[in-house]
Amino acid sequence: MNTATKRGWKWAYRKMRDLHCSRASASYRATLYCLRGDTGTFVCDLTHKKIRINR
């Protein structure tokens, strides 16, 4: 099992929370990541930079 297959909903949710997203936003983005493989572009509340996580 490689790293890409281990990156599921929990990984994406934890990554969003580490970027200081709210719980609701983190769960929404993690769900998008699991369904589409992409979170879409969003702005991090801490650094105010655009972030996008994809496979």
N, C-alpha and C. Protein backbone atom coordinates (compact mmCIF):
# COMPACT_ATOMS: atom_id res chain seq x y z
N MET A 1 0.86 -1.19 0.00
CA MET A 1 0.00 0.00 0.00
C MET A 1 0.89 1.24 0.00
N ASN A 2 0.74 2.04 -1.00
CA ASN A 2 1.58 3.24 -1.09
C ASN A 2 0.94 4.41 -0.35
N THR A 3 1.63 5.52 -0.33
CA THR A 3 1.17 6.70 0.42
C THR A 3 -0.13 7.26 -0.13
N ALA A 4 -0.31 7.23 -1.43
CA ALA A 4 -1.51 7.80 -2.05
C ALA A 4 -2.77 7.06 -1.61
N THR A 5 -2.69 5.75 -1.42
CA THR A 5 -3.88 5.00 -1.02
C THR A 5 -4.19 5.17 0.46
N LYS A 6 -3.24 5.59 1.26
CA LYS A 6 -3.47 5.81 2.68
C LYS A 6 -4.11 7.17 2.95
N ARG A 7 -4.14 8.04 1.96
CA ARG A 7 -4.67 9.38 2.14
C ARG A 7 -6.16 9.38 1.89
N GLY A 8 -6.92 9.17 2.95
CA GLY A 8 -8.36 9.14 2.84
C GLY A 8 -8.98 10.34 3.54
N TRP A 9 -10.23 10.16 3.97
CA TRP A 9 -10.99 11.24 4.60
C TRP A 9 -10.32 11.73 5.88
N LYS A 10 -9.85 10.79 6.70
CA LYS A 10 -9.21 11.19 7.97
C LYS A 10 -7.96 12.02 7.73
N TRP A 11 -7.17 11.60 6.76
CA TRP A 11 -5.94 12.34 6.45
C TRP A 11 -6.28 13.75 5.99
N ALA A 12 -7.25 13.86 5.09
CA ALA A 12 -7.63 15.16 4.56
C ALA A 12 -8.22 16.05 5.66
N TYR A 13 -9.05 15.47 6.52
CA TYR A 13 -9.65 16.23 7.62
C TYR A 13 -8.56 16.76 8.55
N ARG A 14 -7.62 15.90 8.93
CA ARG A 14 -6.54 16.30 9.83
C ARG A 14 -5.68 17.39 9.17
N LYS A 15 -5.44 17.26 7.87
CA LYS A 15 -4.65 18.26 7.15
C LYS A 15 -5.34 19.62 7.19
N MET A 16 -6.66 19.63 6.97
CA MET A 16 -7.43 20.89 7.03
C MET A 16 -7.41 21.49 8.43
N ARG A 17 -7.57 20.66 9.43
CA ARG A 17 -7.56 21.15 10.81
C ARG A 17 -6.18 21.69 11.18
N ASP A 18 -5.13 21.06 10.67
CA ASP A 18 -3.77 21.56 10.90
C ASP A 18 -3.55 22.92 10.25
N LEU A 19 -4.33 23.21 9.21
CA LEU A 19 -4.27 24.51 8.54
C LEU A 19 -5.23 25.51 9.17
N HIS A 20 -5.78 25.16 10.32
CA HIS A 20 -6.67 26.02 11.11
C HIS A 20 -8.00 26.30 10.44
N CYS A 21 -8.53 25.32 9.71
CA CYS A 21 -9.88 25.44 9.18
C CYS A 21 -10.87 25.06 10.27
N SER A 22 -12.08 25.57 10.19
CA SER A 22 -13.10 25.19 11.15
C SER A 22 -13.47 23.73 10.95
N ARG A 23 -14.14 23.13 11.93
CA ARG A 23 -14.53 21.73 11.81
C ARG A 23 -15.46 21.51 10.63
N ALA A 24 -16.41 22.41 10.45
CA ALA A 24 -17.36 22.27 9.34
C ALA A 24 -16.65 22.37 8.00
N SER A 25 -15.78 23.35 7.86
CA SER A 25 -15.05 23.52 6.62
C SER A 25 -14.12 22.34 6.37
N ALA A 26 -13.47 21.86 7.41
CA ALA A 26 -12.55 20.73 7.27
C ALA A 26 -13.29 19.47 6.84
N SER A 27 -14.46 19.22 7.40
CA SER A 27 -15.21 18.02 7.01
C SER A 27 -15.73 18.15 5.58
N TYR A 28 -16.16 19.33 5.20
CA TYR A 28 -16.61 19.56 3.83
C TYR A 28 -15.47 19.36 2.84
N ARG A 29 -14.32 19.95 3.11
CA ARG A 29 -13.17 19.82 2.22
C ARG A 29 -12.65 18.39 2.17
N ALA A 30 -12.66 17.68 3.30
CA ALA A 30 -12.22 16.29 3.33
C ALA A 30 -13.16 15.42 2.50
N THR A 31 -14.45 15.70 2.55
CA THR A 31 -15.41 14.96 1.75
C THR A 31 -15.19 15.22 0.26
N LEU A 32 -14.95 16.48 -0.10
CA LEU A 32 -14.63 16.79 -1.49
C LEU A 32 -13.38 16.06 -1.95
N TYR A 33 -12.38 16.00 -1.08
CA TYR A 33 -11.13 15.32 -1.41
C TYR A 33 -11.38 13.84 -1.68
N CYS A 34 -12.23 13.21 -0.87
CA CYS A 34 -12.51 11.79 -1.06
C CYS A 34 -13.33 11.53 -2.32
N LEU A 35 -14.29 12.39 -2.59
CA LEU A 35 -15.16 12.18 -3.74
C LEU A 35 -14.50 12.54 -5.06
N ARG A 36 -13.84 13.69 -5.10
CA ARG A 36 -13.28 14.21 -6.35
C ARG A 36 -11.77 14.08 -6.46
N GLY A 37 -11.09 13.90 -5.32
CA GLY A 37 -9.64 13.88 -5.34
C GLY A 37 -9.04 15.28 -5.31
N ASP A 38 -9.88 16.28 -5.00
CA ASP A 38 -9.44 17.66 -5.01
C ASP A 38 -10.31 18.45 -4.03
N THR A 39 -9.68 19.32 -3.26
CA THR A 39 -10.44 20.12 -2.29
C THR A 39 -10.96 21.41 -2.88
N GLY A 40 -10.45 21.78 -4.05
CA GLY A 40 -10.78 23.09 -4.58
C GLY A 40 -9.91 24.12 -3.89
N THR A 41 -9.92 25.32 -4.38
CA THR A 41 -9.11 26.39 -3.80
C THR A 41 -9.83 27.03 -2.63
N PHE A 42 -9.12 27.21 -1.53
CA PHE A 42 -9.67 27.90 -0.37
C PHE A 42 -8.57 28.70 0.30
N VAL A 43 -8.96 29.62 1.14
CA VAL A 43 -8.01 30.50 1.81
C VAL A 43 -7.82 30.03 3.24
N CYS A 44 -6.58 29.85 3.64
CA CYS A 44 -6.23 29.46 5.01
C CYS A 44 -6.45 30.66 5.93
N ASP A 45 -7.14 30.43 7.04
CA ASP A 45 -7.43 31.52 7.98
C ASP A 45 -6.17 32.04 8.68
N LEU A 46 -5.19 31.19 8.86
CA LEU A 46 -3.99 31.59 9.58
C LEU A 46 -3.03 32.41 8.70
N THR A 47 -2.76 31.92 7.51
CA THR A 47 -1.76 32.58 6.67
C THR A 47 -2.36 33.44 5.57
N HIS A 48 -3.65 33.32 5.33
CA HIS A 48 -4.36 34.06 4.28
C HIS A 48 -3.78 33.79 2.90
N LYS A 49 -3.34 32.54 2.70
CA LYS A 49 -2.85 32.11 1.39
C LYS A 49 -3.84 31.14 0.78
N LYS A 50 -3.87 31.10 -0.55
CA LYS A 50 -4.71 30.15 -1.25
C LYS A 50 -4.07 28.76 -1.18
N ILE A 51 -4.91 27.78 -0.88
CA ILE A 51 -4.43 26.41 -0.74
C ILE A 51 -5.34 25.50 -1.55
N ARG A 52 -4.74 24.47 -2.15
CA ARG A 52 -5.50 23.46 -2.87
C ARG A 52 -4.78 22.14 -2.68
N ILE A 53 -5.51 21.12 -2.23
CA ILE A 53 -4.94 19.80 -2.03
C ILE A 53 -5.58 18.86 -3.04
N ASN A 54 -4.75 18.19 -3.82
CA ASN A 54 -5.26 17.22 -4.78
C ASN A 54 -4.35 16.01 -4.83
N ARG A 55 -4.87 14.97 -5.47
CA ARG A 55 -4.09 13.72 -5.58
C ARG A 55 -3.17 13.79 -6.76
